[in-house]
Amino acid sequence: MNERVQPETAAELGRLRESVADVDRSLLELLRRRMSLSAEIGRLKNNAGHPIVVPEVNDRVLTRARQH
């Protein structure tokens, strides 16, 4: 199925794909920041002798994510 796409449709598809790529870049940057913050939290907890993983906190994070 090799249909030709109209030039205006191709241009709109290109714009939409670039918008998706922009969102992807933003998401990846946010995930990088979150991972960095989480690593810092882990270091602080470790230095203070606290457990790194706290199931109640994980549950709150997951519940918050599901609500959004």
C-alpha atoms as a PDB file:
ATOM      1  CA  MET A   1       0.000   0.000   0.000  1.00  0.00           C
ATOM      2  CA  ASN A   2       2.067   2.895  -1.298  1.00  0.00           C
ATOM      3  CA  GLU A   3      -0.374   5.798  -1.331  1.00  0.00           C
ATOM      4  CA  ARG A   4       0.975   9.260  -2.024  1.00  0.00           C
ATOM      5  CA  VAL A   5       0.393  11.780   0.717  1.00  0.00           C
ATOM      6  CA  GLN A   6      -0.726  15.263  -0.254  1.00  0.00           C
ATOM      7  CA  PRO A   7       1.975  17.901   0.364  1.00  0.00           C
ATOM      8  CA  GLU A   8      -0.111  19.758   2.960  1.00  0.00           C
ATOM      9  CA  THR A   9      -0.822  16.480   4.768  1.00  0.00           C
ATOM     10  CA  ALA A  10       2.867  15.570   4.681  1.00  0.00           C
ATOM     11  CA  ALA A  11       3.755  19.000   6.102  1.00  0.00           C
ATOM     12  CA  GLU A  12       1.191  18.647   8.896  1.00  0.00           C
ATOM     13  CA  LEU A  13       2.453  15.138   9.672  1.00  0.00           C
ATOM     14  CA  GLY A  14       5.981  16.514   9.857  1.00  0.00           C
ATOM     15  CA  ARG A  15       4.893  19.248  12.289  1.00  0.00           C
ATOM     16  CA  LEU A  16       2.999  16.773  14.444  1.00  0.00           C
ATOM     17  CA  ARG A  17       5.913  14.346  14.491  1.00  0.00           C
ATOM     18  CA  GLU A  18       8.263  17.153  15.530  1.00  0.00           C
ATOM     19  CA  SER A  19       5.843  18.068  18.329  1.00  0.00           C
ATOM     20  CA  VAL A  20       5.849  14.466  19.502  1.00  0.00           C
ATOM     21  CA  ALA A  21       9.666  14.499  19.426  1.00  0.00           C
ATOM     22  CA  ASP A  22       9.638  17.700  21.527  1.00  0.00           C
ATOM     23  CA  VAL A  23       7.379  16.040  24.091  1.00  0.00           C
ATOM     24  CA  ASP A  24       9.633  12.968  24.111  1.00  0.00           C
ATOM     25  CA  ARG A  25      12.689  15.157  24.786  1.00  0.00           C
ATOM     26  CA  SER A  26      10.855  16.915  27.612  1.00  0.00           C
ATOM     27  CA  LEU A  27       9.758  13.624  29.154  1.00  0.00           C
ATOM     28  CA  LEU A  28      13.276  12.236  29.006  1.00  0.00           C
ATOM     29  CA  GLU A  29      14.669  15.365  30.664  1.00  0.00           C
ATOM     30  CA  LEU A  30      12.067  15.121  33.427  1.00  0.00           C
ATOM     31  CA  LEU A  31      12.884  11.447  33.961  1.00  0.00           C
ATOM     32  CA  ARG A  32      16.597  12.278  34.117  1.00  0.00           C
ATOM     33  CA  ARG A  33      15.910  14.952  36.736  1.00  0.00           C
ATOM     34  CA  ARG A  34      13.714  12.574  38.738  1.00  0.00           C
ATOM     35  CA  MET A  35      16.370   9.875  38.689  1.00  0.00           C
ATOM     36  CA  SER A  36      18.999  12.373  39.818  1.00  0.00           C
ATOM     37  CA  LEU A  37      16.810  13.569  42.702  1.00  0.00           C
ATOM     38  CA  SER A  38      16.002   9.993  43.689  1.00  0.00           C
ATOM     39  CA  ALA A  39      19.701   9.102  43.697  1.00  0.00           C
ATOM     40  CA  GLU A  40      20.422  12.084  45.964  1.00  0.00           C
ATOM     41  CA  ILE A  41      17.634  11.002  48.323  1.00  0.00           C
ATOM     42  CA  GLY A  42      19.150   7.515  48.397  1.00  0.00           C
ATOM     43  CA  ARG A  43      22.605   8.917  49.240  1.00  0.00           C
ATOM     44  CA  LEU A  44      21.211  11.056  52.062  1.00  0.00           C
ATOM     45  CA  LYS A  45      19.221   8.158  53.489  1.00  0.00           C
ATOM     46  CA  ASN A  46      22.211   5.846  53.263  1.00  0.00           C
ATOM     47  CA  ASN A  47      24.483   8.372  55.001  1.00  0.00           C
ATOM     48  CA  ALA A  48      21.904   8.807  57.762  1.00  0.00           C
ATOM     49  CA  GLY A  49      21.504   5.054  58.189  1.00  0.00           C
ATOM     50  CA  HIS A  50      17.884   5.049  57.043  1.00  0.00           C
ATOM     51  CA  PRO A  51      16.422   2.350  54.813  1.00  0.00           C
ATOM     52  CA  ILE A  52      16.610   3.357  51.186  1.00  0.00           C
ATOM     53  CA  VAL A  53      13.351   1.703  50.153  1.00  0.00           C
ATOM     54  CA  VAL A  54      10.275   2.469  52.253  1.00  0.00           C
ATOM     55  CA  PRO A  55       7.239   0.556  50.983  1.00  0.00           C
ATOM     56  CA  GLU A  56       4.772   3.168  52.291  1.00  0.00           C
ATOM     57  CA  VAL A  57       6.530   5.910  50.342  1.00  0.00           C
ATOM     58  CA  ASN A  58       6.593   3.769  47.198  1.00  0.00           C
ATOM     59  CA  ASP A  59       2.868   3.137  47.628  1.00  0.00           C
ATOM     60  CA  ARG A  60       2.180   6.885  47.922  1.00  0.00           C
ATOM     61  CA  VAL A  61       4.212   7.602  44.788  1.00  0.00           C
ATOM     62  CA  LEU A  62       2.369   4.936  42.804  1.00  0.00           C
ATOM     63  CA  THR A  63      -1.033   6.070  44.092  1.00  0.00           C
ATOM     64  CA  ARG A  64      -0.230   9.671  43.139  1.00  0.00           C
ATOM     65  CA  ALA A  65       0.847   8.540  39.670  1.00  0.00           C
ATOM     66  CA  ARG A  66      -2.331   6.531  39.161  1.00  0.00           C
ATOM     67  CA  GLN A  67      -4.488   9.491  40.203  1.00  0.00           C
ATOM     68  CA  HIS A  68      -2.935  11.664  37.528  1.00  0.00           C
END
